[in-house]
Amino acid sequence: MDQPYYVGYKVGNQDIGLDPNGFKQGMTGALSYYQVDDIKKSLQALIDEGGQKVQDIKDVGGGKLVASAKDTDGNMIGLIQMP
């Protein structure tokens, strides 16, 4: 998928999505999204390991959920759960 709001790649069974407009949310570059089965559990695991929630879980259309966090080194991690 290649749209002004999102670029997506499929590698094996993993979908990797890039948000080219992440700078509007205070990011310094594109945010990579990792597909997970349970976004709530995955986001909580990042926080439990010392990460910081940046964007709470939100539906971006059609039941697709996204969230983001910073790990303990300050790296941004995007999560996506497909409907």
PDB file of N, CA and C in Angstrom:
ATOM      1  N   MET A   1       0.844  -1.166   0.000  1.00  0.00           N
ATOM      2  CA  MET A   1       0.000   0.000   0.000  1.00  0.00           C
ATOM      3  C   MET A   1       0.894   1.235   0.000  1.00  0.00           C
ATOM      4  N   ASP A   2       0.594   2.192  -0.828  1.00  0.00           N
ATOM      5  CA  ASP A   2       1.383   3.423  -0.913  1.00  0.00           C
ATOM      6  C   ASP A   2       0.428   4.598  -1.030  1.00  0.00           C
ATOM      7  N   GLN A   3       0.156   5.225   0.088  1.00  0.00           N
ATOM      8  CA  GLN A   3      -0.745   6.370   0.143  1.00  0.00           C
ATOM      9  C   GLN A   3      -0.047   7.512   0.875  1.00  0.00           C
ATOM     10  N   PRO A   4      -0.500   8.743   0.720  1.00  0.00           N
ATOM     11  CA  PRO A   4       0.137   9.867   1.422  1.00  0.00           C
ATOM     12  C   PRO A   4       0.114   9.728   2.947  1.00  0.00           C
ATOM     13  N   TYR A   5      -0.846   8.968   3.486  1.00  0.00           N
ATOM     14  CA  TYR A   5      -0.987   8.835   4.932  1.00  0.00           C
ATOM     15  C   TYR A   5      -0.389   7.545   5.490  1.00  0.00           C
ATOM     16  N   TYR A   6       0.051   6.623   4.615  1.00  0.00           N
ATOM     17  CA  TYR A   6       0.506   5.322   5.093  1.00  0.00           C
ATOM     18  C   TYR A   6       1.197   4.572   3.961  1.00  0.00           C
ATOM     19  N   VAL A   7       2.305   3.928   4.289  1.00  0.00           N
ATOM     20  CA  VAL A   7       2.998   3.056   3.337  1.00  0.00           C
ATOM     21  C   VAL A   7       3.129   1.700   4.008  1.00  0.00           C
ATOM     22  N   GLY A   8       2.684   0.642   3.344  1.00  0.00           N
ATOM     23  CA  GLY A   8       2.723  -0.680   3.950  1.00  0.00           C
ATOM     24  C   GLY A   8       3.499  -1.678   3.108  1.00  0.00           C
ATOM     25  N   TYR A   9       4.194  -2.573   3.812  1.00  0.00           N
ATOM     26  CA  TYR A   9       4.965  -3.641   3.193  1.00  0.00           C
ATOM     27  C   TYR A   9       4.552  -4.962   3.827  1.00  0.00           C
ATOM     28  N   LYS A  10       4.618  -6.037   3.075  1.00  0.00           N
ATOM     29  CA  LYS A  10       4.360  -7.365   3.611  1.00  0.00           C
ATOM     30  C   LYS A  10       5.633  -8.183   3.450  1.00  0.00           C
ATOM     31  N   VAL A  11       6.146  -8.690   4.578  1.00  0.00           N
ATOM     32  CA  VAL A  11       7.345  -9.517   4.592  1.00  0.00           C
ATOM     33  C   VAL A  11       6.956 -10.833   5.256  1.00  0.00           C
ATOM     34  N   GLY A  12       6.824 -11.878   4.467  1.00  0.00           N
ATOM     35  CA  GLY A  12       6.346 -13.144   5.007  1.00  0.00           C
ATOM     36  C   GLY A  12       4.927 -12.956   5.515  1.00  0.00           C
ATOM     37  N   ASN A  13       4.708 -13.306   6.767  1.00  0.00           N
ATOM     38  CA  ASN A  13       3.393 -13.126   7.380  1.00  0.00           C
ATOM     39  C   ASN A  13       3.278 -11.816   8.152  1.00  0.00           C
ATOM     40  N   GLN A  14       4.320 -10.996   8.130  1.00  0.00           N
ATOM     41  CA  GLN A  14       4.346  -9.752   8.891  1.00  0.00           C
ATOM     42  C   GLN A  14       4.061  -8.567   7.979  1.00  0.00           C
ATOM     43  N   ASP A  15       3.086  -7.738   8.376  1.00  0.00           N
ATOM     44  CA  ASP A  15       2.830  -6.484   7.673  1.00  0.00           C
ATOM     45  C   ASP A  15       3.581  -5.380   8.396  1.00  0.00           C
ATOM     46  N   ILE A  16       4.380  -4.622   7.668  1.00  0.00           N
ATOM     47  CA  ILE A  16       5.115  -3.493   8.225  1.00  0.00           C
ATOM     48  C   ILE A  16       4.530  -2.231   7.611  1.00  0.00           C
ATOM     49  N   GLY A  17       4.069  -1.328   8.464  1.00  0.00           N
ATOM     50  CA  GLY A  17       3.484  -0.076   7.991  1.00  0.00           C
ATOM     51  C   GLY A  17       4.305   1.103   8.454  1.00  0.00           C
ATOM     52  N   LEU A  18       4.449   2.091   7.612  1.00  0.00           N
ATOM     53  CA  LEU A  18       5.175   3.315   7.948  1.00  0.00           C
ATOM     54  C   LEU A  18       4.220   4.497   7.892  1.00  0.00           C
ATOM     55  N   ASP A  19       4.286   5.331   8.915  1.00  0.00           N
ATOM     56  CA  ASP A  19       3.480   6.546   8.968  1.00  0.00           C
ATOM     57  C   ASP A  19       4.368   7.707   8.532  1.00  0.00           C
ATOM     58  N   PRO A  20       4.264   8.149   7.277  1.00  0.00           N
ATOM     59  CA  PRO A  20       5.150   9.209   6.791  1.00  0.00           C
ATOM     60  C   PRO A  20       4.821  10.577   7.372  1.00  0.00           C
ATOM     61  N   ASN A  21       3.734  10.685   8.117  1.00  0.00           N
ATOM     62  CA  ASN A  21       3.350  11.959   8.721  1.00  0.00           C
ATOM     63  C   ASN A  21       3.558  11.969  10.231  1.00  0.00           C
ATOM     64  N   GLY A  22       4.408  11.094  10.719  1.00  0.00           N
ATOM     65  CA  GLY A  22       4.662  11.001  12.151  1.00  0.00           C
ATOM     66  C   GLY A  22       5.206  12.279  12.763  1.00  0.00           C
ATOM     67  N   PHE A  23       5.875  13.091  11.964  1.00  0.00           N
ATOM     68  CA  PHE A  23       6.425  14.345  12.495  1.00  0.00           C
ATOM     69  C   PHE A  23       5.328  15.247  13.041  1.00  0.00           C
ATOM     70  N   LYS A  24       4.110  15.110  12.543  1.00  0.00           N
ATOM     71  CA  LYS A  24       2.991  15.905  13.042  1.00  0.00           C
ATOM     72  C   LYS A  24       2.640  15.527  14.482  1.00  0.00           C
ATOM     73  N   GLN A  25       3.094  14.341  14.912  1.00  0.00           N
ATOM     74  CA  GLN A  25       2.862  13.877  16.270  1.00  0.00           C
ATOM     75  C   GLN A  25       4.123  14.020  17.119  1.00  0.00           C
ATOM     76  N   GLY A  26       5.073  14.842  16.655  1.00  0.00           N
ATOM     77  CA  GLY A  26       6.297  15.079  17.407  1.00  0.00           C
ATOM     78  C   GLY A  26       7.406  14.088  17.138  1.00  0.00           C
ATOM     79  N   MET A  27       7.252  13.231  16.140  1.00  0.00           N
ATOM     80  CA  MET A  27       8.282  12.255  15.817  1.00  0.00           C
ATOM     81  C   MET A  27       9.296  12.881  14.856  1.00  0.00           C
ATOM     82  N   THR A  28      10.486  12.336  14.855  1.00  0.00           N
ATOM     83  CA  THR A  28      11.531  12.877  13.990  1.00  0.00           C
ATOM     84  C   THR A  28      11.643  12.139  12.663  1.00  0.00           C
ATOM     85  N   GLY A  29      10.832  11.114  12.457  1.00  0.00           N
ATOM     86  CA  GLY A  29      10.859  10.363  11.209  1.00  0.00           C
ATOM     87  C   GLY A  29       9.658   9.451  11.122  1.00  0.00           C
ATOM     88  N   ALA A  30       9.667   8.608  10.130  1.00  0.00           N
ATOM     89  CA  ALA A  30       8.558   7.670   9.938  1.00  0.00           C
ATOM     90  C   ALA A  30       8.505   6.673  11.092  1.00  0.00           C
ATOM     91  N   LEU A  31       7.317   6.260  11.460  1.00  0.00           N
ATOM     92  CA  LEU A  31       7.115   5.290  12.535  1.00  0.00           C
ATOM     93  C   LEU A  31       6.781   3.935  11.925  1.00  0.00           C
ATOM     94  N   SER A  32       7.543   2.929  12.303  1.00  0.00           N
ATOM     95  CA  SER A  32       7.272   1.559  11.848  1.00  0.00           C
ATOM     96  C   SER A  32       6.230   0.935  12.761  1.00  0.00           C
ATOM     97  N   TYR A  33       5.267   0.240  12.178  1.00  0.00           N
ATOM     98  CA  TYR A  33       4.228  -0.443  12.939  1.00  0.00           C
ATOM     99  C   TYR A  33       4.432  -1.941  12.816  1.00  0.00           C
ATOM    100  N   TYR A  34       4.429  -2.634  13.949  1.00  0.00           N
ATOM    101  CA  TYR A  34       4.557  -4.077  13.988  1.00  0.00           C
ATOM    102  C   TYR A  34       3.188  -4.689  14.250  1.00  0.00           C
ATOM    103  N   GLN A  35       2.808  -5.631  13.442  1.00  0.00           N
ATOM    104  CA  GLN A  35       1.503  -6.272  13.577  1.00  0.00           C
ATOM    105  C   GLN A  35       1.523  -7.217  14.768  1.00  0.00           C
ATOM    106  N   VAL A  36       0.522  -7.077  15.623  1.00  0.00           N
ATOM    107  CA  VAL A  36       0.392  -7.915  16.809  1.00  0.00           C
ATOM    108  C   VAL A  36      -1.012  -8.503  16.856  1.00  0.00           C
ATOM    109  N   ASP A  37      -1.159  -9.601  17.585  1.00  0.00           N
ATOM    110  CA  ASP A  37      -2.468 -10.234  17.718  1.00  0.00           C
ATOM    111  C   ASP A  37      -3.332  -9.558  18.777  1.00  0.00           C
ATOM    112  N   ASP A  38      -2.693  -9.026  19.832  1.00  0.00           N
ATOM    113  CA  ASP A  38      -3.411  -8.395  20.940  1.00  0.00           C
ATOM    114  C   ASP A  38      -2.715  -7.077  21.269  1.00  0.00           C
ATOM    115  N   ILE A  39      -3.215  -5.982  20.719  1.00  0.00           N
ATOM    116  CA  ILE A  39      -2.542  -4.692  20.864  1.00  0.00           C
ATOM    117  C   ILE A  39      -2.531  -4.214  22.313  1.00  0.00           C
ATOM    118  N   LYS A  40      -3.597  -4.466  23.046  1.00  0.00           N
ATOM    119  CA  LYS A  40      -3.657  -4.043  24.448  1.00  0.00           C
ATOM    120  C   LYS A  40      -2.567  -4.747  25.266  1.00  0.00           C
ATOM    121  N   LYS A  41      -2.451  -6.050  25.082  1.00  0.00           N
ATOM    122  CA  LYS A  41      -1.443  -6.837  25.796  1.00  0.00           C
ATOM    123  C   LYS A  41      -0.024  -6.429  25.371  1.00  0.00           C
ATOM    124  N   SER A  42       0.180  -6.197  24.082  1.00  0.00           N
ATOM    125  CA  SER A  42       1.505  -5.822  23.577  1.00  0.00           C
ATOM    126  C   SER A  42       1.925  -4.449  24.073  1.00  0.00           C
ATOM    127  N   LEU A  43       1.007  -3.482  24.066  1.00  0.00           N
ATOM    128  CA  LEU A  43       1.314  -2.146  24.567  1.00  0.00           C
ATOM    129  C   LEU A  43       1.631  -2.207  26.056  1.00  0.00           C
ATOM    130  N   GLN A  44       0.865  -2.968  26.808  1.00  0.00           N
ATOM    131  CA  GLN A  44       1.113  -3.094  28.240  1.00  0.00           C
ATOM    132  C   GLN A  44       2.467  -3.743  28.514  1.00  0.00           C
ATOM    133  N   ALA A  45       2.855  -4.721  27.695  1.00  0.00           N
ATOM    134  CA  ALA A  45       4.157  -5.378  27.860  1.00  0.00           C
ATOM    135  C   ALA A  45       5.292  -4.375  27.673  1.00  0.00           C
ATOM    136  N   LEU A  46       5.154  -3.484  26.689  1.00  0.00           N
ATOM    137  CA  LEU A  46       6.178  -2.453  26.480  1.00  0.00           C
ATOM    138  C   LEU A  46       6.271  -1.523  27.691  1.00  0.00           C
ATOM    139  N   ILE A  47       5.133  -1.136  28.227  1.00  0.00           N
ATOM    140  CA  ILE A  47       5.099  -0.252  29.394  1.00  0.00           C
ATOM    141  C   ILE A  47       5.672  -0.968  30.614  1.00  0.00           C
ATOM    142  N   ASP A  48       5.313  -2.238  30.812  1.00  0.00           N
ATOM    143  CA  ASP A  48       5.817  -3.012  31.947  1.00  0.00           C
ATOM    144  C   ASP A  48       7.332  -3.156  31.920  1.00  0.00           C
ATOM    145  N   GLU A  49       7.917  -3.118  30.726  1.00  0.00           N
ATOM    146  CA  GLU A  49       9.377  -3.241  30.590  1.00  0.00           C
ATOM    147  C   GLU A  49      10.082  -1.886  30.665  1.00  0.00           C
ATOM    148  N   GLY A  50       9.354  -0.839  31.028  1.00  0.00           N
ATOM    149  CA  GLY A  50       9.969   0.476  31.201  1.00  0.00           C
ATOM    150  C   GLY A  50       9.702   1.444  30.074  1.00  0.00           C
ATOM    151  N   GLY A  51       8.937   1.031  29.084  1.00  0.00           N
ATOM    152  CA  GLY A  51       8.600   1.924  27.976  1.00  0.00           C
ATOM    153  C   GLY A  51       7.578   2.967  28.395  1.00  0.00           C
ATOM    154  N   GLN A  52       7.375   3.928  27.532  1.00  0.00           N
ATOM    155  CA  GLN A  52       6.444   5.025  27.795  1.00  0.00           C
ATOM    156  C   GLN A  52       5.420   5.091  26.665  1.00  0.00           C
ATOM    157  N   LYS A  53       4.140   5.085  27.036  1.00  0.00           N
ATOM    158  CA  LYS A  53       3.089   5.173  26.026  1.00  0.00           C
ATOM    159  C   LYS A  53       3.128   6.554  25.386  1.00  0.00           C
ATOM    160  N   VAL A  54       3.106   6.595  24.059  1.00  0.00           N
ATOM    161  CA  VAL A  54       3.082   7.844  23.306  1.00  0.00           C
ATOM    162  C   VAL A  54       1.671   8.095  22.773  1.00  0.00           C
ATOM    163  N   GLN A  55       1.085   7.079  22.171  1.00  0.00           N
ATOM    164  CA  GLN A  55      -0.271   7.176  21.635  1.00  0.00           C
ATOM    165  C   GLN A  55      -1.071   5.994  22.130  1.00  0.00           C
ATOM    166  N   ASP A  56      -2.188   6.277  22.774  1.00  0.00           N
ATOM    167  CA  ASP A  56      -3.063   5.213  23.239  1.00  0.00           C
ATOM    168  C   ASP A  56      -3.673   4.494  22.040  1.00  0.00           C
ATOM    169  N   ILE A  57      -4.265   3.366  22.280  1.00  0.00           N
ATOM    170  CA  ILE A  57      -4.890   2.561  21.224  1.00  0.00           C
ATOM    171  C   ILE A  57      -6.040   3.341  20.601  1.00  0.00           C
ATOM    172  N   LYS A  58      -6.038   3.401  19.273  1.00  0.00           N
ATOM    173  CA  LYS A  58      -7.149   4.060  18.574  1.00  0.00           C
ATOM    174  C   LYS A  58      -7.484   3.297  17.306  1.00  0.00           C
ATOM    175  N   ASP A  59      -8.745   3.364  16.947  1.00  0.00           N
ATOM    176  CA  ASP A  59      -9.241   2.735  15.727  1.00  0.00           C
ATOM    177  C   ASP A  59      -9.023   3.722  14.583  1.00  0.00           C
ATOM    178  N   VAL A  60      -8.290   3.307  13.559  1.00  0.00           N
ATOM    179  CA  VAL A  60      -8.004   4.182  12.426  1.00  0.00           C
ATOM    180  C   VAL A  60      -8.867   3.849  11.211  1.00  0.00           C
ATOM    181  N   GLY A  61      -9.895   3.047  11.446  1.00  0.00           N
ATOM    182  CA  GLY A  61     -10.833   2.722  10.379  1.00  0.00           C
ATOM    183  C   GLY A  61     -10.960   1.232  10.149  1.00  0.00           C
ATOM    184  N   GLY A  62     -12.172   0.796  10.020  1.00  0.00           N
ATOM    185  CA  GLY A  62     -12.434  -0.601   9.709  1.00  0.00           C
ATOM    186  C   GLY A  62     -12.025  -1.573  10.795  1.00  0.00           C
ATOM    187  N   GLY A  63     -11.888  -1.104  12.025  1.00  0.00           N
ATOM    188  CA  GLY A  63     -11.481  -1.977  13.116  1.00  0.00           C
ATOM    189  C   GLY A  63      -9.984  -2.150  13.258  1.00  0.00           C
ATOM    190  N   LYS A  64      -9.199  -1.478  12.403  1.00  0.00           N
ATOM    191  CA  LYS A  64      -7.736  -1.539  12.501  1.00  0.00           C
ATOM    192  C   LYS A  64      -7.310  -0.644  13.663  1.00  0.00           C
ATOM    193  N   LEU A  65      -6.555  -1.218  14.625  1.00  0.00           N
ATOM    194  CA  LEU A  65      -6.131  -0.493  15.815  1.00  0.00           C
ATOM    195  C   LEU A  65      -4.638  -0.197  15.759  1.00  0.00           C
ATOM    196  N   VAL A  66      -4.252   0.997  16.209  1.00  0.00           N
ATOM    197  CA  VAL A  66      -2.843   1.374  16.278  1.00  0.00           C
ATOM    198  C   VAL A  66      -2.551   2.000  17.639  1.00  0.00           C
ATOM    199  N   ALA A  67      -1.297   1.925  18.039  1.00  0.00           N
ATOM    200  CA  ALA A  67      -0.804   2.553  19.258  1.00  0.00           C
ATOM    201  C   ALA A  67       0.698   2.712  19.091  1.00  0.00           C
ATOM    202  N   SER A  68       1.313   3.532  19.953  1.00  0.00           N
ATOM    203  CA  SER A  68       2.769   3.657  19.886  1.00  0.00           C
ATOM    204  C   SER A  68       3.338   3.919  21.270  1.00  0.00           C
ATOM    205  N   ALA A  69       4.624   3.570  21.407  1.00  0.00           N
ATOM    206  CA  ALA A  69       5.338   3.733  22.662  1.00  0.00           C
ATOM    207  C   ALA A  69       6.805   3.995  22.363  1.00  0.00           C
ATOM    208  N   LYS A  70       7.523   4.497  23.376  1.00  0.00           N
ATOM    209  CA  LYS A  70       8.982   4.627  23.307  1.00  0.00           C
ATOM    210  C   LYS A  70       9.565   3.556  24.204  1.00  0.00           C
ATOM    211  N   ASP A  71      10.618   2.894  23.722  1.00  0.00           N
ATOM    212  CA  ASP A  71      11.278   1.926  24.588  1.00  0.00           C
ATOM    213  C   ASP A  71      12.230   2.671  25.527  1.00  0.00           C
ATOM    214  N   THR A  72      12.949   1.941  26.357  1.00  0.00           N
ATOM    215  CA  THR A  72      13.814   2.582  27.356  1.00  0.00           C
ATOM    216  C   THR A  72      14.990   3.332  26.742  1.00  0.00           C
ATOM    217  N   ASP A  73      15.286   3.069  25.474  1.00  0.00           N
ATOM    218  CA  ASP A  73      16.352   3.793  24.774  1.00  0.00           C
ATOM    219  C   ASP A  73      15.809   4.972  23.979  1.00  0.00           C
ATOM    220  N   GLY A  74      14.494   5.208  24.046  1.00  0.00           N
ATOM    221  CA  GLY A  74      13.881   6.317  23.324  1.00  0.00           C
ATOM    222  C   GLY A  74      13.451   5.990  21.911  1.00  0.00           C
ATOM    223  N   ASN A  75      13.567   4.733  21.500  1.00  0.00           N
ATOM    224  CA  ASN A  75      13.137   4.321  20.162  1.00  0.00           C
ATOM    225  C   ASN A  75      11.623   4.232  20.105  1.00  0.00           C
ATOM    226  N   MET A  76      11.037   4.753  19.048  1.00  0.00           N
ATOM    227  CA  MET A  76       9.592   4.686  18.860  1.00  0.00           C
ATOM    228  C   MET A  76       9.210   3.319  18.309  1.00  0.00           C
ATOM    229  N   ILE A  77       8.129   2.769  18.860  1.00  0.00           N
ATOM    230  CA  ILE A  77       7.617   1.473  18.417  1.00  0.00           C
ATOM    231  C   ILE A  77       6.127   1.636  18.147  1.00  0.00           C
ATOM    232  N   GLY A  78       5.721   1.336  16.926  1.00  0.00           N
ATOM    233  CA  GLY A  78       4.309   1.378  16.561  1.00  0.00           C
ATOM    234  C   GLY A  78       3.741  -0.028  16.563  1.00  0.00           C
ATOM    235  N   LEU A  79       2.511  -0.154  17.034  1.00  0.00           N
ATOM    236  CA  LEU A  79       1.813  -1.436  17.056  1.00  0.00           C
ATOM    237  C   LEU A  79       0.556  -1.309  16.221  1.00  0.00           C
ATOM    238  N   ILE A  80       0.215  -2.374  15.507  1.00  0.00           N
ATOM    239  CA  ILE A  80      -1.012  -2.396  14.732  1.00  0.00           C
ATOM    240  C   ILE A  80      -1.679  -3.756  14.890  1.00  0.00           C
ATOM    241  N   GLN A  81      -2.986  -3.721  15.090  1.00  0.00           N
ATOM    242  CA  GLN A  81      -3.773  -4.952  15.181  1.00  0.00           C
ATOM    243  C   GLN A  81      -4.818  -4.902  14.087  1.00  0.00           C
ATOM    244  N   MET A  82      -4.827  -5.891  13.246  1.00  0.00           N
ATOM    245  CA  MET A  82      -5.764  -5.956  12.139  1.00  0.00           C
ATOM    246  C   MET A  82      -7.099  -6.511  12.638  1.00  0.00           C
ATOM    247  N   PRO A  83      -8.204  -6.099  12.019  1.00  0.00           N
ATOM    248  CA  PRO A  83      -9.508  -6.602  12.454  1.00  0.00           C
ATOM    249  C   PRO A  83      -9.693  -8.079  12.147  1.00  0.00           C
TER     250      PRO A  83
END
